[in-house]
Protein backbone atom coordinates (compact mmCIF):
# COMPACT_ATOMS: atom_id res chain seq x y z
CA UNK A 1 26.07 8.41 3.02
CA UNK A 2 26.18 8.53 -0.82
CA UNK A 3 23.19 10.33 -2.53
CA UNK A 4 20.93 7.09 -4.31
CA UNK A 5 20.11 8.05 -7.76
CA UNK A 6 16.64 8.55 -8.77
CA UNK A 7 16.01 5.06 -10.56
CA UNK A 8 17.46 3.30 -8.10
CA UNK A 9 15.28 4.85 -5.35
CA UNK A 10 11.84 4.73 -7.24
CA UNK A 11 12.74 1.01 -7.55
CA UNK A 12 13.64 0.12 -4.06
CA UNK A 13 10.06 1.67 -2.93
CA UNK A 14 8.30 0.20 -5.55
CA UNK A 15 9.94 -3.28 -4.16
CA UNK A 16 7.91 -2.50 -0.92
CA UNK A 17 4.88 -1.78 -2.71
CA UNK A 18 2.11 -4.67 -1.98
CA UNK A 19 0.04 -6.60 -4.67
CA UNK A 20 -3.40 -4.77 -5.34
CA UNK A 21 -5.98 -6.19 -3.69
CA UNK A 22 -9.74 -6.39 -4.83
CA UNK A 23 -12.86 -5.71 -3.49
CA UNK A 24 -16.05 -5.41 -5.13
CA UNK A 25 -17.94 -2.42 -5.44
CA UNK A 26 -21.44 -1.07 -6.95
CA UNK A 27 -21.32 -0.19 -10.39
CA UNK A 28 -22.52 3.81 -9.21
CA UNK A 29 -19.70 3.81 -6.56
CA UNK A 30 -16.89 2.73 -9.19
CA UNK A 31 -15.93 6.12 -10.60
CA UNK A 32 -12.49 6.89 -10.23
CA UNK A 33 -11.43 3.44 -9.12
CA UNK A 34 -8.85 1.19 -10.85
CA UNK A 35 -10.50 -2.26 -12.34
CA UNK A 36 -8.58 -5.34 -11.12
CA UNK A 37 -11.06 -7.80 -12.87
CA UNK A 38 -11.96 -7.45 -16.32
CA UNK A 39 -15.30 -6.68 -17.43
CA UNK A 40 -16.77 -9.09 -19.57
CA UNK A 41 -19.77 -9.41 -21.65
CA UNK A 42 -23.03 -11.30 -20.31
CA UNK A 43 -24.72 -11.02 -23.10
CA UNK A 44 -24.83 -10.33 -27.29
CA UNK A 45 -25.04 -6.39 -27.78
CA UNK A 46 -27.44 -6.02 -29.25
CA UNK A 47 -29.06 -9.37 -28.00
CA UNK A 48 -31.07 -9.21 -31.33
CA UNK A 49 -31.23 -8.09 -34.81
CA UNK A 50 -32.12 -4.63 -34.48
CA UNK A 51 -33.09 -1.64 -36.33
CA UNK A 52 -30.51 1.05 -36.89
CA UNK A 53 -33.74 3.53 -38.18
CA UNK A 54 -37.15 4.36 -37.95
CA UNK A 55 -38.73 2.97 -41.44
CA UNK A 56 -39.91 -0.57 -42.66
CA UNK A 57 -38.44 -4.24 -42.18
CA UNK A 58 -38.49 -6.01 -45.28
CA UNK A 59 -37.17 -8.58 -47.67
CA UNK A 60 -34.68 -7.16 -49.71
CA UNK A 61 -35.64 -9.23 -52.88
CA UNK A 62 -39.14 -7.96 -52.70
CA UNK A 63 -38.51 -4.71 -53.26
CA UNK A 64 -38.78 -3.60 -57.04
CA UNK A 65 -40.22 -0.41 -58.97
CA UNK A 66 -43.79 0.11 -59.03
CA UNK A 67 -44.19 -3.08 -56.46
CA UNK A 68 -46.03 -2.22 -52.93
CA UNK A 69 -46.12 -4.22 -49.87
CA UNK A 70 -48.76 -5.09 -47.18
CA UNK A 71 -48.59 -3.92 -43.98
CA UNK A 72 -48.86 -6.75 -41.45
CA UNK A 73 -47.83 -5.12 -37.93
CA UNK A 74 -45.60 -2.72 -36.03
CA UNK A 75 -42.03 -3.22 -34.35
CA UNK A 76 -40.91 -0.89 -31.63
CA UNK A 77 -38.29 -0.87 -28.87
CA UNK A 78 -39.33 -3.37 -25.97
CA UNK A 79 -42.32 -4.53 -27.92
CA UNK A 80 -41.05 -6.30 -30.96
CA UNK A 81 -43.61 -7.74 -34.00
CA UNK A 82 -44.46 -11.31 -32.90
CA UNK A 83 -45.03 -13.35 -36.35
CA UNK A 84 -42.58 -13.39 -39.18
CA UNK A 85 -42.49 -11.59 -42.68
CA UNK A 86 -43.14 -13.54 -45.44
CA UNK A 87 -42.92 -13.03 -49.06
CA UNK A 88 -44.70 -9.43 -50.05
CA UNK A 89 -45.07 -8.59 -46.82
CA UNK A 90 -43.49 -5.49 -44.77
CA UNK A 91 -43.81 -4.22 -40.99
CA UNK A 92 -43.39 -0.86 -39.91
CA UNK A 93 -40.50 -0.43 -37.44
CA UNK A 94 -38.70 1.70 -35.23
CA UNK A 95 -34.86 2.44 -33.87
CA UNK A 96 -33.82 -0.10 -31.60
CA UNK A 97 -36.61 -2.78 -32.57
CA UNK A 98 -35.66 -6.25 -33.00
CA UNK A 99 -36.00 -6.86 -36.73
CA UNK A 100 -38.83 -9.61 -37.51
CA UNK A 101 -37.93 -13.07 -38.30
CA UNK A 102 -37.88 -13.15 -42.25
CA UNK A 103 -36.91 -9.69 -42.84
CA UNK A 104 -33.13 -8.99 -43.53
CA UNK A 105 -33.00 -4.76 -44.34
CA UNK A 106 -34.92 -1.95 -43.16
CA UNK A 107 -35.95 0.96 -45.45
CA UNK A 108 -35.84 4.29 -44.26
CA UNK A 109 -39.24 5.99 -43.60
CA UNK A 110 -38.47 8.96 -46.02
CA UNK A 111 -37.96 6.26 -49.00
CA UNK A 112 -41.55 4.82 -48.47
CA UNK A 113 -44.82 5.69 -50.14
CA UNK A 114 -48.01 4.74 -47.89
CA UNK A 115 -50.77 3.68 -49.93
CA UNK A 116 -53.26 2.92 -46.92
CA UNK A 117 -51.89 -0.30 -45.68
CA UNK A 118 -49.51 -0.86 -48.11
CA UNK A 119 -45.98 0.36 -48.73
CA UNK A 120 -44.12 1.57 -52.07
CA UNK A 121 -40.11 2.66 -51.74
CA UNK A 122 -37.76 4.44 -54.03
CA UNK A 123 -34.96 2.60 -53.13
CA UNK A 124 -33.38 -0.67 -53.60
CA UNK A 125 -31.98 -2.20 -50.09
CA UNK A 126 -29.40 -5.01 -49.86
CA UNK A 127 -29.69 -7.73 -47.50
CA UNK A 128 -28.41 -6.01 -44.11
CA UNK A 129 -28.80 -2.45 -44.93
CA UNK A 130 -29.54 -0.57 -41.98
CA UNK A 131 -29.97 -3.88 -39.53
CA UNK A 132 -27.78 -3.69 -36.51
CA UNK A 133 -27.08 -7.53 -36.36
CA UNK A 134 -26.63 -9.68 -33.23
CA UNK A 135 -23.50 -9.21 -31.42
CA UNK A 136 -22.51 -6.35 -33.62
CA UNK A 137 -21.28 -4.28 -30.40
CA UNK A 138 -19.96 -7.17 -28.28
CA UNK A 139 -20.93 -10.82 -27.42
CA UNK A 140 -20.63 -12.60 -24.43
CA UNK A 141 -17.76 -13.51 -23.17
CA UNK A 142 -15.90 -10.35 -24.76
CA UNK A 143 -13.25 -8.12 -22.51
CA UNK A 144 -14.55 -4.89 -22.84
CA UNK A 145 -12.88 -3.00 -20.19
CA UNK A 146 -9.21 -4.61 -19.22
CA UNK A 147 -7.44 -4.70 -15.67
CA UNK A 148 -5.58 -1.76 -14.42
CA UNK A 149 -7.86 0.78 -15.84
CA UNK A 150 -9.31 3.94 -13.88
CA UNK A 151 -12.88 3.86 -14.73
CA UNK A 152 -14.34 6.75 -16.22
CA UNK A 153 -17.86 7.53 -17.04
CA UNK A 154 -17.93 6.06 -20.28
CA UNK A 155 -16.47 3.35 -19.13
CA UNK A 156 -18.87 2.76 -16.63
CA UNK A 157 -21.30 3.08 -18.85
CA UNK A 158 -19.61 0.17 -21.03
CA UNK A 159 -19.76 -1.64 -17.94
CA UNK A 160 -23.67 -0.88 -17.28
CA UNK A 161 -24.33 -2.03 -20.74
CA UNK A 162 -22.70 -5.12 -19.84
CA UNK A 163 -24.91 -6.28 -17.25
CA UNK A 164 -22.17 -5.68 -14.97
CA UNK A 165 -24.06 -4.46 -11.42
CA UNK A 166 -20.71 -4.56 -9.46
CA UNK A 167 -16.85 -4.24 -10.22
CA UNK A 168 -14.10 -5.61 -8.67
CA UNK A 169 -11.51 -2.96 -7.70
CA UNK A 170 -8.42 -2.20 -5.97
CA UNK A 171 -8.64 -1.17 -2.32
CA UNK A 172 -7.05 2.42 -1.59
CA UNK A 173 -4.41 2.75 0.95
CA UNK A 174 -5.08 4.71 4.29
CA UNK A 175 -2.55 7.46 4.27
CA UNK A 176 -1.42 9.56 7.12
CA UNK A 177 0.34 13.16 7.04
CA UNK A 178 2.70 14.46 10.16
CA UNK A 179 4.03 17.95 9.49
CA UNK A 180 6.90 18.65 11.89
CA UNK A 181 8.69 22.11 12.94
CA UNK A 182 8.75 24.28 15.85
CA UNK A 183 8.61 27.26 13.25
CA UNK A 184 4.84 26.05 11.68
CA UNK A 185 1.93 27.89 12.26
CA UNK A 186 -1.74 26.42 10.45
CA UNK A 187 -2.85 28.70 7.92
CA UNK A 188 -4.60 31.92 9.06
CA UNK A 189 -2.60 32.26 12.53
CA UNK A 190 -1.34 35.71 13.10
CA UNK A 191 2.78 34.96 13.00
CA UNK A 192 5.46 35.35 15.23
CA UNK A 193 8.79 36.87 14.51
CA UNK A 194 10.40 33.28 13.95
CA UNK A 195 7.42 31.70 12.36
CA UNK A 196 6.02 30.43 8.99
CA UNK A 197 2.75 28.90 7.57
CA UNK A 198 2.52 25.13 7.32
CA UNK A 199 1.51 24.38 3.98
CA UNK A 200 2.68 20.92 3.44
CA UNK A 201 -0.38 18.86 4.28
CA UNK A 202 -2.71 21.39 2.39
CA UNK A 203 -0.61 20.35 -1.06
CA UNK A 204 0.05 16.44 -0.43
CA UNK A 205 -3.11 15.54 1.13
CA UNK A 206 -5.05 16.81 -2.50
CA UNK A 207 -2.32 15.77 -4.50
CA UNK A 208 -2.74 11.79 -2.95
CA UNK A 209 -6.37 11.70 -2.16
CA UNK A 210 -7.55 10.60 -5.67
CA UNK A 211 -5.36 7.53 -4.61
CA UNK A 212 -6.42 6.97 -1.07
CA UNK A 213 -9.55 5.53 0.79
CA UNK A 214 -8.79 8.41 3.36
CA UNK A 215 -5.76 10.93 3.75
CA UNK A 216 -5.36 11.60 7.34
CA UNK A 217 -3.87 15.40 8.70
CA UNK A 218 -2.39 14.43 11.94
CA UNK A 219 -1.31 18.29 12.18
CA UNK A 220 2.12 19.39 13.21
CA UNK A 221 4.55 18.28 15.78
CA UNK A 222 6.83 20.32 17.50
CA UNK A 223 10.42 19.35 17.44
CA UNK A 224 10.29 18.33 20.92
CA UNK A 225 11.74 14.76 21.20
CA UNK A 226 9.26 12.91 23.90
CA UNK A 227 6.01 14.95 21.82
CA UNK A 228 7.16 13.44 18.27
CA UNK A 229 7.88 10.44 19.16
CA UNK A 230 4.33 10.11 21.35
CA UNK A 231 2.44 11.18 17.99
CA UNK A 232 4.03 8.94 15.92
CA UNK A 233 3.37 5.86 18.40
CA UNK A 234 0.10 7.00 17.85
CA UNK A 235 -0.10 7.15 14.12
CA UNK A 236 1.89 3.87 13.87
CA UNK A 237 -0.92 2.13 16.43
CA UNK A 238 -3.30 2.68 13.60
CA UNK A 239 -1.46 0.91 11.34
CA UNK A 240 -1.75 2.98 8.12
CA UNK A 241 -0.59 1.88 4.77
CA UNK A 242 0.98 4.86 4.18
CA UNK A 243 2.80 7.33 6.82
CA UNK A 244 4.60 10.77 5.30
CA UNK A 245 6.45 13.26 7.66
CA UNK A 246 7.38 16.25 6.74
CA UNK A 247 10.15 18.48 7.87
CA UNK A 248 12.92 16.97 10.75
CA UNK A 249 14.68 14.74 7.80
CA UNK A 250 17.80 16.34 7.39
CA UNK A 251 21.00 16.77 9.90
CA UNK A 252 20.22 19.68 12.20
CA UNK A 253 20.37 19.35 15.83
CA UNK A 254 16.13 19.16 16.05
CA UNK A 255 15.95 17.00 13.06
CA UNK A 256 14.74 13.93 15.34
CA UNK A 257 12.64 12.50 13.00
CA UNK A 258 14.81 9.48 11.16
CA UNK A 259 15.77 8.99 14.91
CA UNK A 260 12.89 8.43 16.30
CA UNK A 261 11.07 6.22 13.78
CA UNK A 262 14.02 3.99 13.77
CA UNK A 263 13.51 3.53 17.53
CA UNK A 264 9.91 2.01 16.50
CA UNK A 265 11.10 -0.06 14.42
CA UNK A 266 11.59 1.21 11.16
CA UNK A 267 13.47 -0.67 8.66
CA UNK A 268 15.19 2.58 6.70
CA UNK A 269 15.63 1.25 3.25
CA UNK A 270 17.70 4.61 2.16
CA UNK A 271 18.11 8.72 3.02
CA UNK A 272 19.23 11.36 0.71
CA UNK A 273 18.60 11.02 -2.96
CA UNK A 274 20.76 12.75 -6.38
CA UNK A 275 18.62 15.16 -7.11
CA UNK A 276 17.37 18.70 -6.41
CA UNK A 277 14.83 20.02 -5.12
CA UNK A 278 14.22 16.89 -2.52
CA UNK A 279 17.58 15.25 -1.56
CA UNK A 280 16.69 14.52 2.26
CA UNK A 281 14.06 12.03 1.35
CA UNK A 282 14.13 9.11 3.33
CA UNK A 283 12.19 5.77 2.82
CA UNK A 284 11.38 3.23 4.83
CA UNK A 285 9.15 0.33 6.35
CA UNK A 286 7.06 -0.94 9.42
CA UNK A 287 5.00 -3.51 9.28
CA UNK A 288 2.84 -3.04 6.60
CA UNK A 289 3.37 0.66 7.03
CA UNK A 290 5.14 2.38 4.02
CA UNK A 291 6.93 5.33 5.44
CA UNK A 292 8.33 8.03 3.77
CA UNK A 293 10.16 11.07 5.37
CA UNK A 294 9.96 14.34 3.04
CA UNK A 295 12.00 17.55 3.28
CA UNK A 296 10.04 20.31 4.86
CA UNK A 297 10.61 23.10 2.45
CA UNK A 298 7.19 22.87 0.61
CA UNK A 299 8.50 22.60 -3.02
CA UNK A 300 10.83 20.04 -1.89
CA UNK A 301 8.04 17.88 -0.74
CA UNK A 302 5.51 18.40 -3.42
CA UNK A 303 8.32 17.56 -5.96
CA UNK A 304 9.45 14.45 -3.61
CA UNK A 305 5.40 13.18 -3.80
CA UNK A 306 5.30 13.78 -7.30
CA UNK A 307 8.54 11.78 -8.38
CA UNK A 308 8.43 8.97 -5.55
CA UNK A 309 4.89 8.83 -4.18
CA UNK A 310 2.71 8.85 -6.64
CA UNK A 311 4.44 6.04 -8.47
CA UNK A 312 4.18 4.06 -5.31
CA UNK A 313 0.19 4.42 -4.91
CA UNK A 314 -0.28 3.64 -8.74
CA UNK A 315 1.90 0.88 -8.32
CA UNK A 316 -0.52 0.02 -5.28
CA UNK A 317 -3.50 0.24 -7.06
CA UNK A 318 -2.33 -1.78 -10.34
CA UNK A 319 -1.95 1.08 -12.75
CA UNK A 320 0.75 1.29 -15.52
CA UNK A 321 3.58 3.88 -14.39
CA UNK A 322 2.69 7.50 -15.44
CA UNK A 323 3.65 8.04 -18.88
CA UNK A 324 6.24 11.14 -18.96
CA UNK A 325 5.48 13.64 -21.91
CA UNK A 326 8.08 14.67 -24.15
CA UNK A 327 7.76 18.33 -25.29
CA UNK A 328 9.79 20.97 -27.10
CA UNK A 329 11.28 24.02 -24.62
CA UNK A 330 9.92 27.47 -24.88
CA UNK A 331 12.70 28.50 -23.89
CA UNK A 332 16.13 27.59 -22.97
CA UNK A 333 17.24 25.73 -19.96
CA UNK A 334 20.23 26.50 -17.83
CA UNK A 335 23.80 24.28 -17.28
CA UNK A 336 22.85 21.20 -14.35
CA UNK A 337 24.81 20.39 -11.38
CA UNK A 338 25.42 16.18 -10.77
CA UNK A 339 22.18 16.07 -9.16
CA UNK A 340 19.02 15.42 -11.15
CA UNK A 341 16.98 18.69 -11.28
CA UNK A 342 13.00 18.27 -11.48
CA UNK A 343 12.70 21.91 -12.60
CA UNK A 344 9.68 23.68 -13.03
CA UNK A 345 7.84 24.52 -15.54
CA UNK A 346 4.53 26.00 -17.59
CA UNK A 347 2.51 23.78 -20.12
CA UNK A 348 2.14 26.41 -23.45
CA UNK A 349 -0.37 25.46 -26.01
CA UNK A 350 1.02 27.43 -28.79
CA UNK A 351 -0.64 27.01 -32.47
CA UNK A 352 2.47 24.45 -33.17
CA UNK A 353 1.38 22.27 -30.58
CA UNK A 354 2.37 22.48 -26.81
CA UNK A 355 5.90 23.35 -25.49
CA UNK A 356 7.42 23.30 -21.82
CA UNK A 357 8.19 26.66 -20.42
CA UNK A 358 10.90 26.50 -17.68
CA UNK A 359 10.64 28.70 -14.67
CA UNK A 360 13.01 30.75 -13.81
CA UNK A 361 12.77 30.64 -10.25
CA UNK A 362 14.98 27.31 -9.54
CA UNK A 363 15.84 27.84 -5.84
CA UNK A 364 13.51 25.25 -3.78
CA UNK A 365 13.02 28.86 -1.50
CA UNK A 366 10.65 30.11 -4.63
CA UNK A 367 7.35 28.76 -3.33
CA UNK A 368 5.26 31.28 -5.00
CA UNK A 369 6.33 29.26 -8.22
CA UNK A 370 4.29 26.39 -7.67
CA UNK A 371 1.37 28.02 -8.40
CA UNK A 372 2.71 28.81 -12.45
CA UNK A 373 4.03 24.85 -11.86
CA UNK A 374 1.91 22.36 -14.62
CA UNK A 375 5.09 20.28 -15.29
CA UNK A 376 8.36 19.11 -14.12
CA UNK A 377 11.25 19.27 -16.52
CA UNK A 378 13.49 16.14 -15.87
CA UNK A 379 16.49 17.64 -16.31
CA UNK A 380 19.72 15.03 -16.25
CA UNK A 381 22.39 14.65 -14.22
CA UNK A 382 25.45 17.19 -16.06
CA UNK A 383 22.99 18.62 -18.54
CA UNK A 384 24.84 21.43 -20.01
CA UNK A 385 21.82 23.01 -20.95
CA UNK A 386 19.06 22.95 -23.61
CA UNK A 387 17.86 25.50 -26.29
CA UNK A 388 14.53 26.57 -27.55
CA UNK A 389 12.95 23.89 -29.41
CA UNK A 390 14.87 20.55 -28.09
CA UNK A 391 12.58 17.98 -26.82
CA UNK A 392 12.87 17.18 -23.12
CA UNK A 393 11.19 14.59 -20.32
CA UNK A 394 8.65 16.07 -18.40
CA UNK A 395 6.00 15.15 -15.98
CA UNK A 396 2.34 16.56 -15.16
CA UNK A 397 1.99 17.57 -12.29
CA UNK A 398 -1.89 17.32 -12.16
CA UNK A 399 -2.21 13.93 -14.17
CA UNK A 400 -3.80 11.11 -12.26
């Protein structure tokens, strides 16, 4: 089977991703969720002409040097002045209070001189001074937050100000993880002479959790055909939205995952990608479940999840594709092979701006290098290598 180009693989996956489905959530539970219906203003903000200062509401035409006005009342936030302002009158007013009818300006209290129940001013205002006009912030029907936005605290505050008590957000998928391999033991185990620690699920689960309703780790299945088949049958019976296996995706005598998945009705869209690390990636579907078979190698598993699964989950939620940064290299890159290379790199903050520092350990066996990897440099096929300072495409590893 020929190796599939990366773009073709991503396109094939995205064709299988269903359209986003909405659910209504109370405003207080919507942080981090993706908006599926726009937030529209339900009222004008401010809902009245409001004072932007502590001071006095006046008619601008009444202000003249040496001339004082009669103070006829007070307006404060939540308790406006009930009457109307007439010639020669002023109302004591506080920030956020409704500007009384008849007034067209507010003079700040620092420019006022009191004399009993009268006040004079040292400045001459223009109409509209220190007045926030009705609807100045937003008006009824205005779109305040667009569809496809991941809701942050700032945006939730805007939604609350717009009087939205609940929001329509995208339903998140249920994800199932299964590691496979006779050699695997959980962290904390005493290793035998032929064993290694299973790490994939401990990286994949938090990587994918922000996009998911649940991420269920089904542990480790051994390379025994009947046991592996039984575990996969049980997982698929629960109809997760996404099933991710790690290991068993290659062509060894004990790599049963693909064979069993096909027996269980999975339609395989592709297997093997023209990339490194992560060539033996498979993808298919069974019913409503998207099935990803990732390599068992920890570096390959994490890289393929970032490059292929994260775009699928973003599409599931209605998010736009992740923006790739284009950064200067802090050091040169070596020549590349015929496979696209997703090279681990560090993000450096320099006096001239951020730069990408390639990590010299390019072999997928260097698991420890992931601890320093902030970025993946996307190195094209047959790339001759780039000098320091050259601009390269990068993927931010920890970006949503």
